Amino acid sequence: MSDSTSSGISDEAEQPKSAPADRATEGPLDEAEANPVRPYVDLGGVKVLPRDGLQLRLEVEEGSQRVVAVGLDYAGSTLQVQPFAAPRTSGLWHEIRAQIADQIARQGGTTTLTVGPFGPELLAEIPATIAGQPGTKRIARFVGVDGPRWFLRGVIAGEGAVDREAAAKIEELFRSVVVVRGKTPMPPRDLIPLHMPKSAALDGDASSTPSA
C-alpha cells in the first residue's frame, strides 16, 4: 500500500472523527496523553512499548530511503502502522477507508465493511503472488483511528486477521501505540515523519525492509 492518503476530496470539516470512545485513556494515545516515564521506543511519528516476543521492522521507500511505515510482528500476527497529519476537528478514516476499498478492488481483491473494537474497519481479501500457488489470496484487516490532529492507520495480517484470540493480542498492541504529531504545520494526509530508533530496546534488532 502506498504511504500517501491524498485524494483531493474537499469538505473535510464534514467528516466526523472515528475512534473508540475510550481512546484518550486506552489508546492509541497522543503523546500528551501517554505516561512519559514508560520505556517507549522512539520512532519519530510513533512510539512503541517493548514487550516479549515483539519484533520491529521499518519499511523504507527505495528511492528516497524514507521510512514510510512501522511493521510489528507479534504473537503470530503482523501489524503495520502509519501516522498521518489530520485536521484538528474532523476525521480522515471515513474517506481513507473508501479509498482503500477502491484500491483493493482495482487489484482484483474484495473488501467487507465490518465493525471492530476501533469502529468501522475493512476485512480484505487481496490477491497474492506465490510461486506454484495460483489464485492465492491474502487476508488483512484495515483499521483506523482519528486522534487529535493525527490519524493512525493499521493493517493486521496473519493470525490476527482470522482468529479471535490472536486478534485480541494484536489489537491491544495497536492500542499501545503512541502518536507523536509534533508542532510543525503539516497538510492533512501527509505522513508524519518516522525514523530509526535511537536504541535497540525491542526483543531483537530493528531491521529495514523496502516498502511494498
C-alpha atoms as a PDB file:
ATOM      1  CA  MET A   1       0.000   0.000   0.000  1.00  0.00           C
ATOM      2  CA  SER A   2       1.166   3.499  -0.693  1.00  0.00           C
ATOM      3  CA  ASP A   3       2.070   5.720   2.224  1.00  0.00           C
ATOM      4  CA  SER A   4       0.095   8.593   0.686  1.00  0.00           C
ATOM      5  CA  THR A   5      -3.528   9.227   1.545  1.00  0.00           C
ATOM      6  CA  SER A   6      -4.045  12.212  -0.742  1.00  0.00           C
ATOM      7  CA  SER A   7      -7.382  12.252  -2.507  1.00  0.00           C
ATOM      8  CA  GLY A   8      -8.300  15.817  -3.366  1.00  0.00           C
ATOM      9  CA  ILE A   9     -11.601  15.330  -1.545  1.00  0.00           C
ATOM     10  CA  SER A  10     -12.934  18.562  -0.083  1.00  0.00           C
ATOM     11  CA  ASP A  11     -15.322  19.290   2.768  1.00  0.00           C
ATOM     12  CA  GLU A  12     -13.006  17.768   5.374  1.00  0.00           C
ATOM     13  CA  ALA A  13     -14.948  19.592   8.099  1.00  0.00           C
ATOM     14  CA  GLU A  14     -17.952  17.443   7.175  1.00  0.00           C
ATOM     15  CA  GLN A  15     -16.156  14.238   8.141  1.00  0.00           C
ATOM     16  CA  PRO A  16     -16.581  13.143  11.788  1.00  0.00           C
ATOM     17  CA  LYS A  17     -13.744  11.571  13.731  1.00  0.00           C
ATOM     18  CA  SER A  18     -13.760   7.780  14.019  1.00  0.00           C
ATOM     19  CA  ALA A  19     -12.248   6.410  17.241  1.00  0.00           C
ATOM     20  CA  PRO A  20     -13.119   4.223  20.235  1.00  0.00           C
ATOM     21  CA  ALA A  21     -14.962   6.109  22.981  1.00  0.00           C
ATOM     22  CA  ASP A  22     -12.113   5.304  25.399  1.00  0.00           C
ATOM     23  CA  ARG A  23      -9.275   6.206  23.007  1.00  0.00           C
ATOM     24  CA  ALA A  24      -7.892   9.005  25.227  1.00  0.00           C
ATOM     25  CA  THR A  25      -7.332   6.564  28.100  1.00  0.00           C
ATOM     26  CA  GLU A  26      -6.900   3.156  26.433  1.00  0.00           C
ATOM     27  CA  GLY A  27      -5.209   4.184  23.168  1.00  0.00           C
ATOM     28  CA  PRO A  28      -3.955   4.664  20.628  1.00  0.00           C
ATOM     29  CA  LEU A  29      -2.693   7.636  22.618  1.00  0.00           C
ATOM     30  CA  ASP A  30      -1.467  11.073  21.726  1.00  0.00           C
ATOM     31  CA  GLU A  31       1.983  11.922  23.086  1.00  0.00           C
ATOM     32  CA  ALA A  32       0.348  14.357  25.528  1.00  0.00           C
ATOM     33  CA  GLU A  33      -1.813  11.522  26.916  1.00  0.00           C
ATOM     34  CA  ALA A  34       0.963   8.933  27.346  1.00  0.00           C
ATOM     35  CA  ASN A  35       2.889   8.201  30.533  1.00  0.00           C
ATOM     36  CA  PRO A  36       6.239   9.991  29.996  1.00  0.00           C
ATOM     37  CA  VAL A  37       8.189   7.556  32.184  1.00  0.00           C
ATOM     38  CA  ARG A  38       7.264   4.394  30.259  1.00  0.00           C
ATOM     39  CA  PRO A  39      10.183   2.947  28.217  1.00  0.00           C
ATOM     40  CA  TYR A  40       8.845   3.605  24.729  1.00  0.00           C
ATOM     41  CA  VAL A  41      10.930   3.015  21.598  1.00  0.00           C
ATOM     42  CA  ASP A  42      11.028   6.374  19.790  1.00  0.00           C
ATOM     43  CA  LEU A  43      10.400   6.008  16.045  1.00  0.00           C
ATOM     44  CA  GLY A  44       9.575   9.647  15.356  1.00  0.00           C
ATOM     45  CA  GLY A  45       5.884   9.849  14.483  1.00  0.00           C
ATOM     46  CA  VAL A  46       5.067   6.876  16.707  1.00  0.00           C
ATOM     47  CA  LYS A  47       6.357   5.358  19.913  1.00  0.00           C
ATOM     48  CA  VAL A  48       6.079   1.643  20.650  1.00  0.00           C
ATOM     49  CA  LEU A  49       6.152  -0.052  24.039  1.00  0.00           C
ATOM     50  CA  PRO A  50       8.571  -3.027  24.072  1.00  0.00           C
ATOM     51  CA  ARG A  51       7.250  -6.434  25.078  1.00  0.00           C
ATOM     52  CA  ASP A  52       8.500 -10.030  24.983  1.00  0.00           C
ATOM     53  CA  GLY A  53       8.319 -11.540  21.508  1.00  0.00           C
ATOM     54  CA  LEU A  54       7.774  -8.257  19.683  1.00  0.00           C
ATOM     55  CA  GLN A  55       9.843  -7.758  16.525  1.00  0.00           C
ATOM     56  CA  LEU A  56      10.153  -4.378  14.818  1.00  0.00           C
ATOM     57  CA  ARG A  57      10.602  -3.765  11.090  1.00  0.00           C
ATOM     58  CA  LEU A  58      10.884  -0.404   9.358  1.00  0.00           C
ATOM     59  CA  GLU A  59       9.562  -0.191   5.796  1.00  0.00           C
ATOM     60  CA  VAL A  60      11.727   2.090   3.656  1.00  0.00           C
ATOM     61  CA  GLU A  61      10.878   3.753   0.343  1.00  0.00           C
ATOM     62  CA  GLU A  62      13.503   2.578  -2.123  1.00  0.00           C
ATOM     63  CA  GLY A  63      14.133   5.839  -3.968  1.00  0.00           C
ATOM     64  CA  SER A  64      14.155   8.336  -1.116  1.00  0.00           C
ATOM     65  CA  GLN A  65      15.212   5.918   1.663  1.00  0.00           C
ATOM     66  CA  ARG A  66      12.419   7.477   3.710  1.00  0.00           C
ATOM     67  CA  VAL A  67      10.837   5.330   6.433  1.00  0.00           C
ATOM     68  CA  VAL A  68       7.173   5.074   5.404  1.00  0.00           C
ATOM     69  CA  ALA A  69       5.746   2.509   7.843  1.00  0.00           C
ATOM     70  CA  VAL A  70       6.475   0.567  11.007  1.00  0.00           C
ATOM     71  CA  GLY A  71       5.930  -3.192  10.940  1.00  0.00           C
ATOM     72  CA  LEU A  72       5.369  -5.092  14.174  1.00  0.00           C
ATOM     73  CA  ASP A  73       5.473  -8.902  14.320  1.00  0.00           C
ATOM     74  CA  TYR A  74       3.794 -10.262  17.441  1.00  0.00           C
ATOM     75  CA  ALA A  75       2.020 -13.442  18.570  1.00  0.00           C
ATOM     76  CA  GLY A  76       1.633 -14.911  15.083  1.00  0.00           C
ATOM     77  CA  SER A  77       0.334 -11.681  13.573  1.00  0.00           C
ATOM     78  CA  THR A  78       1.755  -8.656  11.803  1.00  0.00           C
ATOM     79  CA  LEU A  79       0.699  -5.059  12.337  1.00  0.00           C
ATOM     80  CA  GLN A  80       1.738  -2.247  10.020  1.00  0.00           C
ATOM     81  CA  VAL A  81       1.170   1.273  11.371  1.00  0.00           C
ATOM     82  CA  GLN A  82       1.380   4.665   9.675  1.00  0.00           C
ATOM     83  CA  PRO A  83       0.660   8.039  11.333  1.00  0.00           C
ATOM     84  CA  PHE A  84      -0.738  10.912   9.259  1.00  0.00           C
ATOM     85  CA  ALA A  85      -1.397  14.572   9.952  1.00  0.00           C
ATOM     86  CA  ALA A  86      -5.109  15.379  10.222  1.00  0.00           C
ATOM     87  CA  PRO A  87      -7.411  18.366  10.740  1.00  0.00           C
ATOM     88  CA  ARG A  88      -7.962  19.450  14.335  1.00  0.00           C
ATOM     89  CA  THR A  89     -11.737  18.990  14.440  1.00  0.00           C
ATOM     90  CA  SER A  90     -12.582  16.491  11.698  1.00  0.00           C
ATOM     91  CA  GLY A  91     -11.515  12.968  10.800  1.00  0.00           C
ATOM     92  CA  LEU A  92      -9.939  11.145   7.862  1.00  0.00           C
ATOM     93  CA  TRP A  93     -10.835   7.475   8.355  1.00  0.00           C
ATOM     94  CA  HIS A  94     -14.213   7.516   6.617  1.00  0.00           C
ATOM     95  CA  GLU A  95     -12.711   8.903   3.391  1.00  0.00           C
ATOM     96  CA  ILE A  96      -9.490   6.881   3.560  1.00  0.00           C
ATOM     97  CA  ARG A  97     -11.441   3.670   4.125  1.00  0.00           C
ATOM     98  CA  ALA A  98     -13.317   4.230   0.858  1.00  0.00           C
ATOM     99  CA  GLN A  99     -10.029   4.904  -0.958  1.00  0.00           C
ATOM    100  CA  ILE A 100      -8.519   1.657   0.357  1.00  0.00           C
ATOM    101  CA  ALA A 101     -11.568  -0.356  -0.759  1.00  0.00           C
ATOM    102  CA  ASP A 102     -11.338   1.176  -4.227  1.00  0.00           C
ATOM    103  CA  GLN A 103      -7.607   0.474  -4.487  1.00  0.00           C
ATOM    104  CA  ILE A 104      -8.053  -3.169  -3.459  1.00  0.00           C
ATOM    105  CA  ALA A 105     -10.913  -3.595  -5.951  1.00  0.00           C
ATOM    106  CA  ARG A 106      -8.617  -2.346  -8.728  1.00  0.00           C
ATOM    107  CA  GLN A 107      -6.096  -5.027  -7.686  1.00  0.00           C
ATOM    108  CA  GLY A 108      -8.770  -7.697  -8.107  1.00  0.00           C
ATOM    109  CA  GLY A 109      -9.458  -8.074  -4.381  1.00  0.00           C
ATOM    110  CA  THR A 110     -12.587  -7.676  -2.277  1.00  0.00           C
ATOM    111  CA  THR A 111     -13.392  -5.828   0.952  1.00  0.00           C
ATOM    112  CA  THR A 112     -16.147  -6.165   3.521  1.00  0.00           C
ATOM    113  CA  LEU A 113     -17.064  -3.340   5.879  1.00  0.00           C
ATOM    114  CA  THR A 114     -17.241  -4.585   9.471  1.00  0.00           C
ATOM    115  CA  VAL A 115     -17.254  -3.051  12.946  1.00  0.00           C
ATOM    116  CA  GLY A 116     -14.457  -3.931  15.353  1.00  0.00           C
ATOM    117  CA  PRO A 117     -13.067  -2.600  18.632  1.00  0.00           C
ATOM    118  CA  PHE A 118     -11.815   0.572  16.919  1.00  0.00           C
ATOM    119  CA  GLY A 119     -15.027   1.213  14.990  1.00  0.00           C
ATOM    120  CA  PRO A 120     -15.526   0.672  11.244  1.00  0.00           C
ATOM    121  CA  GLU A 121     -12.852  -1.440   9.571  1.00  0.00           C
ATOM    122  CA  LEU A 122     -12.283  -3.301   6.318  1.00  0.00           C
ATOM    123  CA  LEU A 123     -11.757  -7.046   6.025  1.00  0.00           C
ATOM    124  CA  ALA A 124      -9.912  -7.517   2.751  1.00  0.00           C
ATOM    125  CA  GLU A 125      -9.015 -10.448   0.517  1.00  0.00           C
ATOM    126  CA  ILE A 126      -6.083  -9.336  -1.634  1.00  0.00           C
ATOM    127  CA  PRO A 127      -4.567 -11.367  -4.499  1.00  0.00           C
ATOM    128  CA  ALA A 128      -1.121 -12.633  -3.518  1.00  0.00           C
ATOM    129  CA  THR A 129       1.603 -13.805  -5.879  1.00  0.00           C
ATOM    130  CA  ILE A 130       3.045 -17.044  -4.518  1.00  0.00           C
ATOM    131  CA  ALA A 131       5.070 -19.357  -6.750  1.00  0.00           C
ATOM    132  CA  GLY A 132       3.214 -22.585  -7.505  1.00  0.00           C
ATOM    133  CA  GLN A 133       0.022 -21.380  -5.790  1.00  0.00           C
ATOM    134  CA  PRO A 134      -2.119 -19.535  -8.364  1.00  0.00           C
ATOM    135  CA  GLY A 135      -5.245 -17.825  -7.082  1.00  0.00           C
ATOM    136  CA  THR A 136      -3.842 -17.349  -3.576  1.00  0.00           C
ATOM    137  CA  LYS A 137      -5.349 -14.514  -1.556  1.00  0.00           C
ATOM    138  CA  ARG A 138      -4.033 -12.697   1.483  1.00  0.00           C
ATOM    139  CA  ILE A 139      -6.481 -11.728   4.219  1.00  0.00           C
ATOM    140  CA  ALA A 140      -5.922  -8.438   6.042  1.00  0.00           C
ATOM    141  CA  ARG A 141      -7.824  -6.078   8.323  1.00  0.00           C
ATOM    142  CA  PHE A 142      -7.540  -2.340   7.763  1.00  0.00           C
ATOM    143  CA  VAL A 143      -8.243  -0.344  10.918  1.00  0.00           C
ATOM    144  CA  GLY A 144      -8.044   3.383  11.577  1.00  0.00           C
ATOM    145  CA  VAL A 145      -8.312   5.810  14.473  1.00  0.00           C
ATOM    146  CA  ASP A 146      -8.710   9.575  14.296  1.00  0.00           C
ATOM    147  CA  GLY A 147      -6.891  11.349  17.132  1.00  0.00           C
ATOM    148  CA  PRO A 148      -6.112  14.988  17.969  1.00  0.00           C
ATOM    149  CA  ARG A 149      -4.551  16.396  14.758  1.00  0.00           C
ATOM    150  CA  TRP A 150      -3.500  12.926  13.616  1.00  0.00           C
ATOM    151  CA  PHE A 151      -4.830   9.753  12.037  1.00  0.00           C
ATOM    152  CA  LEU A 152      -3.316   6.313  12.715  1.00  0.00           C
ATOM    153  CA  ARG A 153      -3.814   3.551  10.168  1.00  0.00           C
ATOM    154  CA  GLY A 154      -3.179  -0.091  10.951  1.00  0.00           C
ATOM    155  CA  VAL A 155      -3.062  -3.178   8.731  1.00  0.00           C
ATOM    156  CA  ILE A 156      -3.416  -6.503  10.553  1.00  0.00           C
ATOM    157  CA  ALA A 157      -2.398  -9.752   8.838  1.00  0.00           C
ATOM    158  CA  GLY A 158      -1.604 -13.290   9.929  1.00  0.00           C
ATOM    159  CA  GLU A 159      -3.487 -14.935  12.780  1.00  0.00           C
ATOM    160  CA  GLY A 160      -4.881 -11.610  13.990  1.00  0.00           C
ATOM    161  CA  ALA A 161      -6.921 -11.275  10.789  1.00  0.00           C
ATOM    162  CA  VAL A 162      -8.713 -14.615  11.138  1.00  0.00           C
ATOM    163  CA  ASP A 163      -8.551 -15.797  14.769  1.00  0.00           C
ATOM    164  CA  ARG A 164     -10.396 -14.030  17.590  1.00  0.00           C
ATOM    165  CA  GLU A 165      -7.877 -14.825  20.337  1.00  0.00           C
ATOM    166  CA  ALA A 166      -4.934 -13.718  18.209  1.00  0.00           C
ATOM    167  CA  ALA A 167      -6.881 -10.626  17.147  1.00  0.00           C
ATOM    168  CA  ALA A 168      -7.268  -9.525  20.770  1.00  0.00           C
ATOM    169  CA  LYS A 169      -3.482  -9.613  21.248  1.00  0.00           C
ATOM    170  CA  ILE A 170      -2.663  -7.581  18.137  1.00  0.00           C
ATOM    171  CA  GLU A 171      -5.497  -5.138  18.852  1.00  0.00           C
ATOM    172  CA  GLU A 172      -4.018  -4.494  22.284  1.00  0.00           C
ATOM    173  CA  LEU A 173      -0.672  -3.825  20.605  1.00  0.00           C
ATOM    174  CA  PHE A 174      -2.328  -1.270  18.289  1.00  0.00           C
ATOM    175  CA  ARG A 175      -3.914   0.340  21.353  1.00  0.00           C
ATOM    176  CA  SER A 176      -0.470   0.714  22.952  1.00  0.00           C
ATOM    177  CA  VAL A 177       0.952   2.803  20.081  1.00  0.00           C
ATOM    178  CA  VAL A 178       1.595   6.475  20.896  1.00  0.00           C
ATOM    179  CA  VAL A 179       1.383   9.029  18.079  1.00  0.00           C
ATOM    180  CA  VAL A 180       3.780  11.995  18.153  1.00  0.00           C
ATOM    181  CA  ARG A 181       2.205  14.662  15.966  1.00  0.00           C
ATOM    182  CA  GLY A 182       4.650  17.445  16.831  1.00  0.00           C
ATOM    183  CA  LYS A 183       4.002  21.163  16.415  1.00  0.00           C
ATOM    184  CA  THR A 184       5.223  21.551  12.814  1.00  0.00           C
ATOM    185  CA  PRO A 185       2.378  22.585  10.464  1.00  0.00           C
ATOM    186  CA  MET A 186       1.564  19.787   8.006  1.00  0.00           C
ATOM    187  CA  PRO A 187      -1.131  19.365   5.366  1.00  0.00           C
ATOM    188  CA  PRO A 188      -3.788  16.792   6.275  1.00  0.00           C
ATOM    189  CA  ARG A 189      -2.963  13.302   4.966  1.00  0.00           C
ATOM    190  CA  ASP A 190       0.806  13.903   4.969  1.00  0.00           C
ATOM    191  CA  LEU A 191       2.785  11.088   6.590  1.00  0.00           C
ATOM    192  CA  ILE A 192       4.193  12.179   9.961  1.00  0.00           C
ATOM    193  CA  PRO A 193       7.981  11.596   9.679  1.00  0.00           C
ATOM    194  CA  LEU A 194       9.314   8.293  11.022  1.00  0.00           C
ATOM    195  CA  HIS A 195      12.906   7.357  11.797  1.00  0.00           C
ATOM    196  CA  MET A 196      15.113   4.557  13.081  1.00  0.00           C
ATOM    197  CA  PRO A 197      15.021   4.018  16.853  1.00  0.00           C
ATOM    198  CA  LYS A 198      17.805   5.662  18.799  1.00  0.00           C
ATOM    199  CA  SER A 199      18.291   2.489  20.831  1.00  0.00           C
ATOM    200  CA  ALA A 200      17.509  -1.181  20.235  1.00  0.00           C
ATOM    201  CA  ALA A 201      15.056  -1.639  23.091  1.00  0.00           C
ATOM    202  CA  LEU A 202      12.965  -4.315  21.407  1.00  0.00           C
ATOM    203  CA  ASP A 203      13.411  -8.067  21.592  1.00  0.00           C
ATOM    204  CA  GLY A 204      15.683  -8.438  18.581  1.00  0.00           C
ATOM    205  CA  ASP A 205      17.281  -5.900  16.302  1.00  0.00           C
ATOM    206  CA  ALA A 206      15.286  -3.444  14.265  1.00  0.00           C
ATOM    207  CA  SER A 207      15.593  -4.076  10.559  1.00  0.00           C
ATOM    208  CA  SER A 208      14.724  -2.096   7.461  1.00  0.00           C
ATOM    209  CA  THR A 209      12.778  -3.518   4.547  1.00  0.00           C
ATOM    210  CA  PRO A 210      11.680  -1.864   1.307  1.00  0.00           C
ATOM    211  CA  SER A 211       8.079  -0.704   1.256  1.00  0.00           C
ATOM    212  CA  ALA A 212       5.553  -2.686  -0.739  1.00  0.00           C
END
